[in-house]
N, C-alpha and C. Protein backbone atom coordinates (compact mmCIF):
# COMPACT_ATOMS: atom_id res chain seq x y z
N MET A 1 -38.95 83.00 197.84
CA MET A 1 -37.69 83.31 196.90
C MET A 1 -37.07 84.47 197.48
N PRO A 2 -35.47 84.88 197.70
CA PRO A 2 -35.26 86.29 197.81
C PRO A 2 -35.46 87.05 197.07
N ASP A 3 -35.35 88.40 197.65
CA ASP A 3 -34.96 89.48 196.73
C ASP A 3 -33.57 89.13 195.64
N ILE A 4 -34.00 89.24 194.26
CA ILE A 4 -32.53 89.23 193.51
C ILE A 4 -32.71 90.42 192.39
N LYS A 5 -31.26 91.35 192.75
CA LYS A 5 -31.42 92.64 192.06
C LYS A 5 -31.03 92.11 190.41
N CYS A 6 -31.71 93.28 189.70
CA CYS A 6 -31.57 92.85 188.29
C CYS A 6 -31.72 94.06 187.94
N SER A 7 -30.50 94.27 186.67
CA SER A 7 -30.59 95.37 186.14
C SER A 7 -30.65 95.60 185.04
N VAL A 8 -31.20 94.51 184.33
CA VAL A 8 -30.99 94.06 182.76
C VAL A 8 -32.62 94.59 182.60
N THR A 9 -33.13 95.50 182.65
CA THR A 9 -34.67 96.15 182.30
C THR A 9 -35.34 95.63 180.90
N GLU A 10 -34.74 94.97 179.97
CA GLU A 10 -35.17 94.48 178.93
C GLU A 10 -35.80 93.07 179.32
N CYS A 11 -35.69 92.70 180.14
CA CYS A 11 -35.98 91.28 180.68
C CYS A 11 -37.45 91.40 181.29
N GLU A 12 -38.21 90.37 180.70
CA GLU A 12 -39.62 90.75 180.83
C GLU A 12 -39.56 90.32 182.22
N TYR A 13 -38.82 89.53 183.39
CA TYR A 13 -39.25 89.23 184.59
C TYR A 13 -39.04 90.52 185.09
N ASN A 14 -37.96 91.64 184.86
CA ASN A 14 -37.65 92.85 185.72
C ASN A 14 -38.96 93.31 186.06
N SER A 15 -39.00 93.36 187.15
CA SER A 15 -39.75 94.15 188.03
C SER A 15 -39.39 95.19 189.23
N ASP A 16 -39.33 96.44 188.78
CA ASP A 16 -38.40 97.34 189.91
C ASP A 16 -37.22 97.19 190.08
N VAL A 17 -36.28 96.80 189.12
CA VAL A 17 -34.79 96.67 189.57
C VAL A 17 -34.51 95.12 190.12
N LYS A 18 -35.99 94.23 190.13
CA LYS A 18 -35.84 92.91 191.16
C LYS A 18 -36.41 91.72 189.57
N CYS A 19 -35.79 90.80 190.23
CA CYS A 19 -35.98 90.10 189.36
C CYS A 19 -37.29 89.00 189.94
N GLY A 20 -38.61 89.37 188.56
CA GLY A 20 -39.61 88.53 189.60
C GLY A 20 -39.77 86.76 188.96
N ALA A 21 -38.76 86.34 188.19
CA ALA A 21 -39.26 84.73 187.72
C ALA A 21 -39.41 83.79 188.25
N PRO A 22 -39.79 82.81 188.71
CA PRO A 22 -40.39 81.74 189.28
C PRO A 22 -39.26 80.91 189.94
N MET A 23 -38.41 81.07 189.04
CA MET A 23 -36.92 80.39 189.34
C MET A 23 -35.91 81.07 188.54
N ILE A 24 -34.49 80.67 188.84
CA ILE A 24 -33.70 81.33 188.48
C ILE A 24 -32.69 79.91 187.63
N GLN A 25 -32.05 80.53 186.55
CA GLN A 25 -30.96 78.85 186.42
C GLN A 25 -29.84 80.23 185.51
N VAL A 26 -28.70 80.00 186.26
CA VAL A 26 -27.43 80.48 186.12
C VAL A 26 -26.85 78.88 185.44
N ASP A 27 -25.93 79.61 184.16
CA ASP A 27 -24.93 78.31 183.67
C ASP A 27 -23.51 79.45 183.82
N HIS A 28 -22.81 78.20 182.73
CA HIS A 28 -21.43 78.86 182.03
C HIS A 28 -21.46 79.61 180.85
N ASN A 29 -20.82 80.43 180.97
CA ASN A 29 -20.91 81.37 179.52
C ASN A 29 -19.72 80.74 178.30
N ASN A 30 -19.82 79.85 178.39
CA ASN A 30 -18.79 79.40 176.79
C ASN A 30 -17.35 79.08 177.58
N VAL A 31 -17.98 78.45 178.63
CA VAL A 31 -16.45 77.61 179.29
C VAL A 31 -16.77 76.84 180.02
N PRO A 32 -15.65 75.40 180.21
CA PRO A 32 -16.14 74.46 180.77
C PRO A 32 -16.48 74.59 182.57
N LYS A 33 -15.30 75.50 182.98
CA LYS A 33 -15.69 76.03 184.63
C LYS A 33 -15.77 77.24 185.10
N SER A 34 -16.65 77.96 185.55
CA SER A 34 -16.42 79.72 185.90
C SER A 34 -15.37 79.71 187.12
N ASN A 35 -14.89 80.78 186.99
CA ASN A 35 -13.97 82.09 188.17
C ASN A 35 -14.54 82.53 188.39
N ASN A 36 -15.30 83.07 187.71
CA ASN A 36 -15.79 84.32 187.80
C ASN A 36 -16.92 85.17 187.38
N SER A 37 -17.92 85.63 187.79
CA SER A 37 -19.02 85.99 187.31
C SER A 37 -19.27 86.32 185.85
N ASP A 38 -18.47 86.66 185.52
CA ASP A 38 -17.99 86.94 183.90
C ASP A 38 -17.82 86.10 183.21
N GLN A 39 -17.97 84.52 183.61
CA GLN A 39 -17.71 83.20 183.27
C GLN A 39 -19.34 82.75 183.10
N THR A 40 -20.21 83.31 183.88
CA THR A 40 -21.56 83.11 183.94
C THR A 40 -22.56 83.92 183.33
N LYS A 41 -23.77 82.76 183.30
CA LYS A 41 -24.72 83.75 182.30
C LYS A 41 -26.06 83.18 183.00
N CYS A 42 -26.79 84.40 182.91
CA CYS A 42 -28.38 83.89 183.20
C CYS A 42 -29.69 83.23 182.22
N ASP A 43 -29.82 82.43 182.13
CA ASP A 43 -30.25 81.47 181.14
C ASP A 43 -31.96 81.71 181.53
N THR A 44 -32.30 82.40 182.74
CA THR A 44 -33.99 82.98 182.59
C THR A 44 -33.93 83.94 181.99
N PHE A 45 -33.31 84.97 181.97
CA PHE A 45 -33.16 85.84 180.61
C PHE A 45 -34.62 85.77 179.75
N ARG A 46 -35.75 86.69 179.70
CA ARG A 46 -36.36 86.89 178.59
C ARG A 46 -36.79 87.92 177.82
N ALA A 47 -36.55 88.25 176.85
CA ALA A 47 -36.69 89.58 176.40
C ALA A 47 -38.25 90.03 176.42
N LYS A 48 -38.62 91.14 176.76
CA LYS A 48 -39.98 92.19 177.00
C LYS A 48 -40.63 91.97 175.83
N GLY A 49 -41.91 91.73 175.48
CA GLY A 49 -42.10 91.42 173.98
C GLY A 49 -43.11 92.30 173.87
């Protein structure tokens, strides 16, 4: 997988500001059709435990 920058340091997949998840899932953020990045969300996020 290519390097994916992630500034959400409270995510357990974040490793040195890069996403280390085995797969990334991005969905709509409470809209039926996204027109910009604010209308999307990362469903891969998992809080550090």
